[in-house]
Amino acid sequence: KNEAEGVFEQLGLSVTQAITLFYQQVKLNRGLPFDVRIPNATTLRT
């Protein structure tokens, strides 16, 4: 939470604005705005 809020502050965003942006992207993409995948064996080993 603290680390993310530091990034938001550097971007000039409040937590509310950041959450709203995330929700808007979910709405526009009709899903998460980034890939979510099950890791393969190499990734799990890493």
All heavy atoms as atom14 arrays in JSON, in Angstrom:
{
  "sequence": "KNEAEGVFEQLGLSVTQAITLFYQQVKLNRGLPFDVRIPNATTLRT",
  "atom14_mask": [
    [1, 1, 1, 1, 1, 1, 1, 1, 1, 0, 0, 0, 0, 0],
    [1, 1, 1, 1, 1, 1, 1, 1, 0, 0, 0, 0, 0, 0],
    [1, 1, 1, 1, 1, 1, 1, 1, 1, 0, 0, 0, 0, 0],
    [1, 1, 1, 1, 1, 0, 0, 0, 0, 0, 0, 0, 0, 0],
    [1, 1, 1, 1, 1, 1, 1, 1, 1, 0, 0, 0, 0, 0],
    [1, 1, 1, 1, 0, 0, 0, 0, 0, 0, 0, 0, 0, 0],
    [1, 1, 1, 1, 1, 1, 1, 0, 0, 0, 0, 0, 0, 0],
    [1, 1, 1, 1, 1, 1, 1, 1, 1, 1, 1, 0, 0, 0],
    [1, 1, 1, 1, 1, 1, 1, 1, 1, 0, 0, 0, 0, 0],
    [1, 1, 1, 1, 1, 1, 1, 1, 1, 0, 0, 0, 0, 0],
    [1, 1, 1, 1, 1, 1, 1, 1, 0, 0, 0, 0, 0, 0],
    [1, 1, 1, 1, 0, 0, 0, 0, 0, 0, 0, 0, 0, 0],
    [1, 1, 1, 1, 1, 1, 1, 1, 0, 0, 0, 0, 0, 0],
    [1, 1, 1, 1, 1, 1, 0, 0, 0, 0, 0, 0, 0, 0],
    [1, 1, 1, 1, 1, 1, 1, 0, 0, 0, 0, 0, 0, 0],
    [1, 1, 1, 1, 1, 1, 1, 0, 0, 0, 0, 0, 0, 0],
    [1, 1, 1, 1, 1, 1, 1, 1, 1, 0, 0, 0, 0, 0],
    [1, 1, 1, 1, 1, 0, 0, 0, 0, 0, 0, 0, 0, 0],
    [1, 1, 1, 1, 1, 1, 1, 1, 0, 0, 0, 0, 0, 0],
    [1, 1, 1, 1, 1, 1, 1, 0, 0, 0, 0, 0, 0, 0],
    [1, 1, 1, 1, 1, 1, 1, 1, 0, 0, 0, 0, 0, 0],
    [1, 1, 1, 1, 1, 1, 1, 1, 1, 1, 1, 0, 0, 0],
    [1, 1, 1, 1, 1, 1, 1, 1, 1, 1, 1, 1, 0, 0],
    [1, 1, 1, 1, 1, 1, 1, 1, 1, 0, 0, 0, 0, 0],
    [1, 1, 1, 1, 1, 1, 1, 1, 1, 0, 0, 0, 0, 0],
    [1, 1, 1, 1, 1, 1, 1, 0, 0, 0, 0, 0, 0, 0],
    [1, 1, 1, 1, 1, 1, 1, 1, 1, 0, 0, 0, 0, 0],
    [1, 1, 1, 1, 1, 1, 1, 1, 0, 0, 0, 0, 0, 0],
    [1, 1, 1, 1, 1, 1, 1, 1, 0, 0, 0, 0, 0, 0],
    [1, 1, 1, 1, 1, 1, 1, 1, 1, 1, 1, 0, 0, 0],
    [1, 1, 1, 1, 0, 0, 0, 0, 0, 0, 0, 0, 0, 0],
    [1, 1, 1, 1, 1, 1, 1, 1, 0, 0, 0, 0, 0, 0],
    [1, 1, 1, 1, 1, 1, 1, 0, 0, 0, 0, 0, 0, 0],
    [1, 1, 1, 1, 1, 1, 1, 1, 1, 1, 1, 0, 0, 0],
    [1, 1, 1, 1, 1, 1, 1, 1, 0, 0, 0, 0, 0, 0],
    [1, 1, 1, 1, 1, 1, 1, 0, 0, 0, 0, 0, 0, 0],
    [1, 1, 1, 1, 1, 1, 1, 1, 1, 1, 1, 0, 0, 0],
    [1, 1, 1, 1, 1, 1, 1, 1, 0, 0, 0, 0, 0, 0],
    [1, 1, 1, 1, 1, 1, 1, 0, 0, 0, 0, 0, 0, 0],
    [1, 1, 1, 1, 1, 1, 1, 1, 0, 0, 0, 0, 0, 0],
    [1, 1, 1, 1, 1, 0, 0, 0, 0, 0, 0, 0, 0, 0],
    [1, 1, 1, 1, 1, 1, 1, 0, 0, 0, 0, 0, 0, 0],
    [1, 1, 1, 1, 1, 1, 1, 0, 0, 0, 0, 0, 0, 0],
    [1, 1, 1, 1, 1, 1, 1, 1, 0, 0, 0, 0, 0, 0],
    [1, 1, 1, 1, 1, 1, 1, 1, 1, 1, 1, 0, 0, 0],
    [1, 1, 1, 1, 1, 1, 1, 0, 0, 0, 0, 0, 0, 0]
  ],
  "atom14_positions": [
    [[0.83, -1.21, 0.0], [0.0, 0.0, 0.0], [0.86, 1.25, 0.0], [0.66, 2.16, -0.8], [-0.93, -0.01, 1.21], [-1.8, 1.22, 1.35], [-2.65, 1.13, 2.62], [-3.49, 2.35, 2.85], [-2.7, 3.52, 3.26], [0.0, 0.0, 0.0], [0.0, 0.0, 0.0], [0.0, 0.0, 0.0], [0.0, 0.0, 0.0], [0.0, 0.0, 0.0]],
    [[1.84, 1.31, 0.89], [2.71, 2.48, 1.0], [3.51, 2.7, -0.27], [3.65, 3.84, -0.74], [3.64, 2.35, 2.2], [2.9, 2.47, 3.51], [1.85, 3.08, 3.59], [3.44, 1.85, 4.55], [0.0, 0.0, 0.0], [0.0, 0.0, 0.0], [0.0, 0.0, 0.0], [0.0, 0.0, 0.0], [0.0, 0.0, 0.0], [0.0, 0.0, 0.0]],
    [[4.05, 1.63, -0.84], [4.84, 1.76, -2.05], [3.99, 2.24, -3.22], [4.38, 3.15, -3.97], [5.51, 0.43, -2.39], [6.59, 0.57, -3.44], [7.44, -0.68, -3.58], [7.56, -1.45, -2.6], [7.97, -0.89, -4.67], [0.0, 0.0, 0.0], [0.0, 0.0, 0.0], [0.0, 0.0, 0.0], [0.0, 0.0, 0.0], [0.0, 0.0, 0.0]],
    [[2.81, 1.65, -3.37], [1.91, 2.06, -4.46], [1.47, 3.51, -4.28], [1.43, 4.28, -5.25], [0.71, 1.12, -4.53], [0.0, 0.0, 0.0], [0.0, 0.0, 0.0], [0.0, 0.0, 0.0], [0.0, 0.0, 0.0], [0.0, 0.0, 0.0], [0.0, 0.0, 0.0], [0.0, 0.0, 0.0], [0.0, 0.0, 0.0], [0.0, 0.0, 0.0]],
    [[1.15, 3.9, -3.06], [0.72, 5.27, -2.82], [1.84, 6.26, -3.11], [1.59, 7.39, -3.56], [0.19, 5.43, -1.39], [-1.17, 4.78, -1.23], [-1.72, 4.84, 0.2], [-1.04, 5.38, 1.1], [-2.84, 4.35, 0.39], [0.0, 0.0, 0.0], [0.0, 0.0, 0.0], [0.0, 0.0, 0.0], [0.0, 0.0, 0.0], [0.0, 0.0, 0.0]],
    [[3.1, 5.84, -2.9], [4.23, 6.69, -3.27], [4.29, 6.9, -4.77], [4.57, 8.01, -5.25], [0.0, 0.0, 0.0], [0.0, 0.0, 0.0], [0.0, 0.0, 0.0], [0.0, 0.0, 0.0], [0.0, 0.0, 0.0], [0.0, 0.0, 0.0], [0.0, 0.0, 0.0], [0.0, 0.0, 0.0], [0.0, 0.0, 0.0], [0.0, 0.0, 0.0]],
    [[4.02, 5.85, -5.53], [3.98, 5.97, -6.99], [2.84, 6.88, -7.41], [3.01, 7.76, -8.27], [3.85, 4.57, -7.66], [3.65, 4.71, -9.16], [5.06, 3.71, -7.35], [0.0, 0.0, 0.0], [0.0, 0.0, 0.0], [0.0, 0.0, 0.0], [0.0, 0.0, 0.0], [0.0, 0.0, 0.0], [0.0, 0.0, 0.0], [0.0, 0.0, 0.0]],
    [[1.67, 6.7, -6.81], [0.52, 7.55, -7.14], [0.86, 9.02, -6.89], [0.54, 9.89, -7.69], [-0.72, 7.18, -6.32], [-1.22, 5.77, -6.53], [-1.93, 5.12, -5.54], [-0.99, 5.09, -7.71], [-2.4, 3.84, -5.72], [-1.46, 3.78, -7.9], [-2.17, 3.16, -6.9], [0.0, 0.0, 0.0], [0.0, 0.0, 0.0], [0.0, 0.0, 0.0]],
    [[1.52, 9.27, -5.76], [1.89, 10.65, -5.41], [2.83, 11.24, -6.46], [2.66, 12.38, -6.88], [2.54, 10.68, -4.03], [2.84, 12.08, -3.55], [3.4, 12.11, -2.14], [3.14, 11.17, -1.37], [4.11, 13.08, -1.82], [0.0, 0.0, 0.0], [0.0, 0.0, 0.0], [0.0, 0.0, 0.0], [0.0, 0.0, 0.0], [0.0, 0.0, 0.0]],
    [[3.8, 10.44, -6.9], [4.73, 10.92, -7.94], [4.0, 11.22, -9.24], [4.4, 12.1, -10.0], [5.83, 9.88, -8.19], [6.81, 9.75, -7.06], [7.85, 8.68, -7.32], [7.75, 7.91, -8.27], [8.86, 8.63, -6.47], [0.0, 0.0, 0.0], [0.0, 0.0, 0.0], [0.0, 0.0, 0.0], [0.0, 0.0, 0.0], [0.0, 0.0, 0.0]],
    [[2.92, 10.48, -9.49], [2.13, 10.69, -10.7], [1.09, 11.81, -10.53], [0.4, 12.17, -11.48], [1.4, 9.4, -11.08], [2.29, 8.25, -11.53], [1.48, 6.96, -11.63], [2.95, 8.57, -12.86], [0.0, 0.0, 0.0], [0.0, 0.0, 0.0], [0.0, 0.0, 0.0], [0.0, 0.0, 0.0], [0.0, 0.0, 0.0], [0.0, 0.0, 0.0]],
    [[0.99, 12.34, -9.32], [0.02, 13.39, -9.05], [-1.4, 12.87, -8.9], [-2.36, 13.59, -9.15], [0.0, 0.0, 0.0], [0.0, 0.0, 0.0], [0.0, 0.0, 0.0], [0.0, 0.0, 0.0], [0.0, 0.0, 0.0], [0.0, 0.0, 0.0], [0.0, 0.0, 0.0], [0.0, 0.0, 0.0], [0.0, 0.0, 0.0], [0.0, 0.0, 0.0]],
    [[-1.53, 11.6, -8.49], [-2.84, 10.96, -8.35], [-3.15, 10.68, -6.89], [-2.26, 10.29, -6.13], [-2.89, 9.63, -9.1], [-2.75, 9.64, -10.61], [-2.6, 8.22, -11.13], [-3.94, 10.32, -11.25], [0.0, 0.0, 0.0], [0.0, 0.0, 0.0], [0.0, 0.0, 0.0], [0.0, 0.0, 0.0], [0.0, 0.0, 0.0], [0.0, 0.0, 0.0]],
    [[-4.41, 10.82, -6.53], [-4.85, 10.33, -5.23], [-5.15, 8.84, -5.37], [-5.26, 8.32, -6.49], [-6.12, 11.07, -4.79], [-7.22, 10.71, -5.63], [0.0, 0.0, 0.0], [0.0, 0.0, 0.0], [0.0, 0.0, 0.0], [0.0, 0.0, 0.0], [0.0, 0.0, 0.0], [0.0, 0.0, 0.0], [0.0, 0.0, 0.0], [0.0, 0.0, 0.0]],
    [[-5.29, 8.17, -4.26], [-5.65, 6.75, -4.3], [-7.0, 6.58, -4.98], [-7.19, 5.68, -5.81], [-5.67, 6.14, -2.87], [-6.19, 4.71, -2.9], [-4.28, 6.19, -2.25], [0.0, 0.0, 0.0], [0.0, 0.0, 0.0], [0.0, 0.0, 0.0], [0.0, 0.0, 0.0], [0.0, 0.0, 0.0], [0.0, 0.0, 0.0], [0.0, 0.0, 0.0]],
    [[-7.94, 7.46, -4.68], [-9.26, 7.4, -5.31], [-9.15, 7.53, -6.82], [-9.79, 6.78, -7.57], [-10.17, 8.49, -4.74], [-10.34, 8.26, -3.34], [-11.53, 8.51, -5.43], [0.0, 0.0, 0.0], [0.0, 0.0, 0.0], [0.0, 0.0, 0.0], [0.0, 0.0, 0.0], [0.0, 0.0, 0.0], [0.0, 0.0, 0.0], [0.0, 0.0, 0.0]],
    [[-8.34, 8.47, -7.29], [-8.17, 8.65, -8.74], [-7.53, 7.41, -9.37], [-7.93, 7.0, -10.46], [-7.32, 9.89, -9.02], [-8.02, 11.18, -8.7], [-7.08, 12.37, -8.72], [-5.93, 12.28, -8.28], [-7.57, 13.49, -9.22], [0.0, 0.0, 0.0], [0.0, 0.0, 0.0], [0.0, 0.0, 0.0], [0.0, 0.0, 0.0], [0.0, 0.0, 0.0]],
    [[-6.54, 6.82, -8.69], [-5.88, 5.63, -9.22], [-6.85, 4.46, -9.32], [-6.87, 3.74, -10.33], [-4.68, 5.26, -8.35], [0.0, 0.0, 0.0], [0.0, 0.0, 0.0], [0.0, 0.0, 0.0], [0.0, 0.0, 0.0], [0.0, 0.0, 0.0], [0.0, 0.0, 0.0], [0.0, 0.0, 0.0], [0.0, 0.0, 0.0], [0.0, 0.0, 0.0]],
    [[-7.66, 4.27, -8.29], [-8.65, 3.19, -8.32], [-9.68, 3.44, -9.41], [-10.06, 2.52, -10.15], [-9.33, 3.03, -6.94], [-8.31, 2.51, -5.91], [-10.54, 2.1, -7.02], [-8.8, 2.55, -4.48], [0.0, 0.0, 0.0], [0.0, 0.0, 0.0], [0.0, 0.0, 0.0], [0.0, 0.0, 0.0], [0.0, 0.0, 0.0], [0.0, 0.0, 0.0]],
    [[-10.1, 4.69, -9.57], [-11.05, 5.02, -10.62], [-10.46, 4.73, -12.0], [-11.14, 4.18, -12.87], [-11.48, 6.5, -10.52], [-12.08, 6.71, -9.23], [-12.46, 6.89, -11.61], [0.0, 0.0, 0.0], [0.0, 0.0, 0.0], [0.0, 0.0, 0.0], [0.0, 0.0, 0.0], [0.0, 0.0, 0.0], [0.0, 0.0, 0.0], [0.0, 0.0, 0.0]],
    [[-9.19, 5.08, -12.2], [-8.53, 4.77, -13.48], [-8.5, 3.27, -13.73], [-8.76, 2.81, -14.85], [-7.09, 5.32, -13.48], [-6.94, 6.81, -13.69], [-5.49, 7.22, -13.45], [-7.37, 7.2, -15.09], [0.0, 0.0, 0.0], [0.0, 0.0, 0.0], [0.0, 0.0, 0.0], [0.0, 0.0, 0.0], [0.0, 0.0, 0.0], [0.0, 0.0, 0.0]],
    [[-8.19, 2.5, -12.7], [-8.16, 1.04, -12.84], [-9.54, 0.53, -13.24], [-9.68, -0.25, -14.18], [-7.7, 0.39, -11.54], [-7.78, -1.12, -11.57], [-6.86, -1.85, -12.31], [-8.77, -1.79, -10.88], [-6.93, -3.24, -12.35], [-8.85, -3.17, -10.91], [-7.93, -3.89, -11.65], [0.0, 0.0, 0.0], [0.0, 0.0, 0.0], [0.0, 0.0, 0.0]],
    [[-10.58, 0.98, -12.55], [-11.94, 0.54, -12.87], [-12.35, 0.96, -14.28], [-13.01, 0.19, -14.99], [-12.94, 1.1, -11.84], [-13.13, 0.21, -10.64], [-12.07, -0.12, -9.81], [-14.38, -0.28, -10.32], [-12.25, -0.93, -8.7], [-14.57, -1.09, -9.21], [-13.51, -1.41, -8.41], [-13.7, -2.22, -7.33], [0.0, 0.0, 0.0], [0.0, 0.0, 0.0]],
    [[-11.95, 2.16, -14.7], [-12.27, 2.6, -16.06], [-11.59, 1.7, -17.1], [-12.19, 1.34, -18.12], [-11.82, 4.06, -16.29], [-12.67, 5.07, -15.58], [-14.05, 5.22, -16.2], [-14.34, 4.75, -17.28], [-14.94, 5.87, -15.46], [0.0, 0.0, 0.0], [0.0, 0.0, 0.0], [0.0, 0.0, 0.0], [0.0, 0.0, 0.0], [0.0, 0.0, 0.0]],
    [[-10.35, 1.3, -16.83], [-9.64, 0.41, -17.75], [-10.28, -0.98, -17.79], [-10.36, -1.59, -18.85], [-8.16, 0.32, -17.37], [-7.37, 1.57, -17.71], [-7.39, 1.84, -19.2], [-7.05, 1.0, -20.02], [-7.79, 3.06, -19.56], [0.0, 0.0, 0.0], [0.0, 0.0, 0.0], [0.0, 0.0, 0.0], [0.0, 0.0, 0.0], [0.0, 0.0, 0.0]],
    [[-10.72, -1.46, -16.65], [-11.43, -2.75, -16.61], [-12.68, -2.66, -17.47], [-12.98, -3.55, -18.28], [-11.78, -3.15, -15.16], [-12.75, -4.32, -15.12], [-10.51, -3.49, -14.38], [0.0, 0.0, 0.0], [0.0, 0.0, 0.0], [0.0, 0.0, 0.0], [0.0, 0.0, 0.0], [0.0, 0.0, 0.0], [0.0, 0.0, 0.0], [0.0, 0.0, 0.0]],
    [[-13.4, -1.57, -17.32], [-14.63, -1.36, -18.1], [-14.31, -1.3, -19.6], [-14.96, -1.97, -20.41], [-15.29, -0.06, -17.65], [-16.53, 0.32, -18.41], [-17.07, 1.64, -17.88], [-17.85, 2.36, -18.94], [-18.23, 3.71, -18.51], [0.0, 0.0, 0.0], [0.0, 0.0, 0.0], [0.0, 0.0, 0.0], [0.0, 0.0, 0.0], [0.0, 0.0, 0.0]],
    [[-13.3, -0.5, -19.98], [-12.94, -0.34, -21.4], [-12.43, -1.64, -22.02], [-12.72, -1.95, -23.17], [-11.89, 0.75, -21.56], [-12.36, 2.18, -21.34], [-11.18, 3.13, -21.29], [-13.34, 2.59, -22.43], [0.0, 0.0, 0.0], [0.0, 0.0, 0.0], [0.0, 0.0, 0.0], [0.0, 0.0, 0.0], [0.0, 0.0, 0.0], [0.0, 0.0, 0.0]],
    [[-11.63, -2.4, -21.24], [-11.04, -3.65, -21.73], [-11.96, -4.84, -21.57], [-11.66, -5.93, -22.06], [-9.72, -3.94, -21.0], [-8.62, -3.02, -21.43], [-8.11, -3.15, -22.53], [-8.26, -2.08, -20.57], [0.0, 0.0, 0.0], [0.0, 0.0, 0.0], [0.0, 0.0, 0.0], [0.0, 0.0, 0.0], [0.0, 0.0, 0.0], [0.0, 0.0, 0.0]],
    [[-13.04, -4.64, -20.82], [-13.95, -5.73, -20.48], [-13.17, -6.88, -19.83], [-13.38, -8.06, -20.11], [-14.74, -6.2, -21.71], [-15.63, -5.1, -22.27], [-16.47, -5.5, -23.45], [-17.18, -6.75, -23.27], [-18.41, -6.87, -22.76], [-19.06, -5.81, -22.38], [-18.98, -8.06, -22.66], [0.0, 0.0, 0.0], [0.0, 0.0, 0.0], [0.0, 0.0, 0.0]],
    [[-12.25, -6.52, -18.99], [-11.39, -7.47, -18.28], [-10.25, -6.7, -17.64], [-10.23, -5.46, -17.68], [0.0, 0.0, 0.0], [0.0, 0.0, 0.0], [0.0, 0.0, 0.0], [0.0, 0.0, 0.0], [0.0, 0.0, 0.0], [0.0, 0.0, 0.0], [0.0, 0.0, 0.0], [0.0, 0.0, 0.0], [0.0, 0.0, 0.0], [0.0, 0.0, 0.0]],
    [[-9.32, -7.4, -17.07], [-8.17, -6.74, -16.45], [-7.32, -6.06, -17.52], [-7.16, -6.59, -18.61], [-7.33, -7.76, -15.67], [-8.02, -8.37, -14.45], [-7.14, -9.43, -13.81], [-8.37, -7.3, -13.43], [0.0, 0.0, 0.0], [0.0, 0.0, 0.0], [0.0, 0.0, 0.0], [0.0, 0.0, 0.0], [0.0, 0.0, 0.0], [0.0, 0.0, 0.0]],
    [[-6.76, -4.9, -17.2], [-5.99, -4.16, -18.2], [-4.54, -4.65, -18.35], [-3.67, -3.91, -18.77], [-6.06, -2.72, -17.68], [-6.2, -2.85, -16.22], [-7.01, -4.11, -16.01], [0.0, 0.0, 0.0], [0.0, 0.0, 0.0], [0.0, 0.0, 0.0], [0.0, 0.0, 0.0], [0.0, 0.0, 0.0], [0.0, 0.0, 0.0], [0.0, 0.0, 0.0]],
    [[-4.3, -5.88, -17.97], [-2.98, -6.5, -18.11], [-3.19, -8.0, -18.19], [-4.24, -8.51, -17.8], [-2.05, -6.14, -16.94], [-2.7, -6.24, -15.59], [-2.83, -7.46, -14.94], [-3.2, -5.11, -14.97], [-3.43, -7.55, -13.7], [-3.81, -5.17, -13.73], [-3.93, -6.4, -13.1], [0.0, 0.0, 0.0], [0.0, 0.0, 0.0], [0.0, 0.0, 0.0]],
    [[-2.2, -8.7, -18.72], [-2.31, -10.16, -18.85], [-2.21, -10.83, -17.48], [-1.36, -10.46, -16.66], [-1.2, -10.71, -19.74], [-1.38, -10.35, -21.2], [-2.53, -10.04, -21.59], [-0.4, -10.38, -21.93], [0.0, 0.0, 0.0], [0.0, 0.0, 0.0], [0.0, 0.0, 0.0], [0.0, 0.0, 0.0], [0.0, 0.0, 0.0], [0.0, 0.0, 0.0]],
    [[-3.07, -11.78, -17.24], [-3.01, -12.61, -16.04], [-2.94, -14.04, -16.54], [-3.85, -14.53, -17.2], [-4.26, -12.42, -15.14], [-4.2, -13.33, -13.94], [-4.39, -10.96, -14.72], [0.0, 0.0, 0.0], [0.0, 0.0, 0.0], [0.0, 0.0, 0.0], [0.0, 0.0, 0.0], [0.0, 0.0, 0.0], [0.0, 0.0, 0.0], [0.0, 0.0, 0.0]],
    [[-1.82, -14.67, -16.24], [-1.59, -16.01, -16.77], [-1.12, -16.95, -15.66], [-0.51, -16.52, -14.69], [-0.53, -15.98, -17.86], [-0.93, -15.13, -19.03], [0.11, -15.16, -20.09], [-0.32, -14.32, -21.19], [0.45, -13.9, -22.13], [1.72, -14.24, -22.14], [-0.01, -13.15, -23.11], [0.0, 0.0, 0.0], [0.0, 0.0, 0.0], [0.0, 0.0, 0.0]],
    [[-1.38, -18.22, -15.85], [-0.87, -19.24, -14.94], [0.6, -19.43, -15.3], [0.93, -19.66, -16.47], [-1.65, -20.55, -15.1], [-3.11, -20.32, -14.71], [-1.02, -21.67, -14.28], [-4.02, -21.48, -15.04], [0.0, 0.0, 0.0], [0.0, 0.0, 0.0], [0.0, 0.0, 0.0], [0.0, 0.0, 0.0], [0.0, 0.0, 0.0], [0.0, 0.0, 0.0]],
    [[1.51, -19.32, -14.34], [2.94, -19.43, -14.65], [3.31, -20.83, -15.11], [2.79, -21.83, -14.62], [3.63, -19.07, -13.33], [2.6, -19.19, -12.28], [1.26, -19.04, -12.93], [0.0, 0.0, 0.0], [0.0, 0.0, 0.0], [0.0, 0.0, 0.0], [0.0, 0.0, 0.0], [0.0, 0.0, 0.0], [0.0, 0.0, 0.0], [0.0, 0.0, 0.0]],
    [[4.27, -20.87, -16.06], [4.76, -22.17, -16.54], [5.84, -22.68, -15.59], [6.21, -22.02, -14.62], [5.25, -22.07, -17.98], [6.42, -21.1, -18.13], [7.16, -20.86, -17.19], [6.57, -20.54, -19.31], [0.0, 0.0, 0.0], [0.0, 0.0, 0.0], [0.0, 0.0, 0.0], [0.0, 0.0, 0.0], [0.0, 0.0, 0.0], [0.0, 0.0, 0.0]],
    [[6.38, -23.86, -15.88], [7.36, -24.5, -14.99], [8.61, -23.65, -14.82], [9.15, -23.54, -13.71], [7.72, -25.88, -15.53], [0.0, 0.0, 0.0], [0.0, 0.0, 0.0], [0.0, 0.0, 0.0], [0.0, 0.0, 0.0], [0.0, 0.0, 0.0], [0.0, 0.0, 0.0], [0.0, 0.0, 0.0], [0.0, 0.0, 0.0], [0.0, 0.0, 0.0]],
    [[9.09, -23.03, -15.88], [10.29, -22.19, -15.8], [10.05, -21.0, -14.88], [10.9, -20.67, -14.05], [10.69, -21.7, -17.2], [10.92, -22.83, -18.04], [11.95, -20.84, -17.15], [0.0, 0.0, 0.0], [0.0, 0.0, 0.0], [0.0, 0.0, 0.0], [0.0, 0.0, 0.0], [0.0, 0.0, 0.0], [0.0, 0.0, 0.0], [0.0, 0.0, 0.0]],
    [[8.92, -20.37, -15.02], [8.58, -19.23, -14.18], [8.46, -19.65, -12.72], [8.97, -18.97, -11.82], [7.28, -18.57, -14.65], [7.42, -18.19, -16.02], [6.93, -17.36, -13.82], [0.0, 0.0, 0.0], [0.0, 0.0, 0.0], [0.0, 0.0, 0.0], [0.0, 0.0, 0.0], [0.0, 0.0, 0.0], [0.0, 0.0, 0.0], [0.0, 0.0, 0.0]],
    [[7.83, -20.8, -12.47], [7.7, -21.29, -11.1], [9.07, -21.57, -10.48], [9.3, -21.27, -9.3], [6.81, -22.54, -11.06], [5.33, -22.29, -11.34], [4.59, -23.63, -11.46], [4.71, -21.43, -10.26], [0.0, 0.0, 0.0], [0.0, 0.0, 0.0], [0.0, 0.0, 0.0], [0.0, 0.0, 0.0], [0.0, 0.0, 0.0], [0.0, 0.0, 0.0]],
    [[9.98, -22.16, -11.27], [11.34, -22.41, -10.77], [12.04, -21.09, -10.46], [12.74, -20.98, -9.45], [12.16, -23.2, -11.8], [12.02, -24.7, -11.66], [13.1, -25.47, -12.44], [13.23, -25.05, -13.83], [12.46, -25.46, -14.84], [11.49, -26.33, -14.61], [12.66, -25.04, -16.06], [0.0, 0.0, 0.0], [0.0, 0.0, 0.0], [0.0, 0.0, 0.0]],
    [[11.87, -20.11, -11.32], [12.48, -18.8, -11.09], [11.94, -18.18, -9.81], [12.71, -17.62, -9.02], [12.22, -17.86, -12.29], [12.73, -18.48, -13.47], [12.86, -16.51, -12.09], [0.0, 0.0, 0.0], [0.0, 0.0, 0.0], [0.0, 0.0, 0.0], [0.0, 0.0, 0.0], [0.0, 0.0, 0.0], [0.0, 0.0, 0.0], [0.0, 0.0, 0.0]]
  ]
}
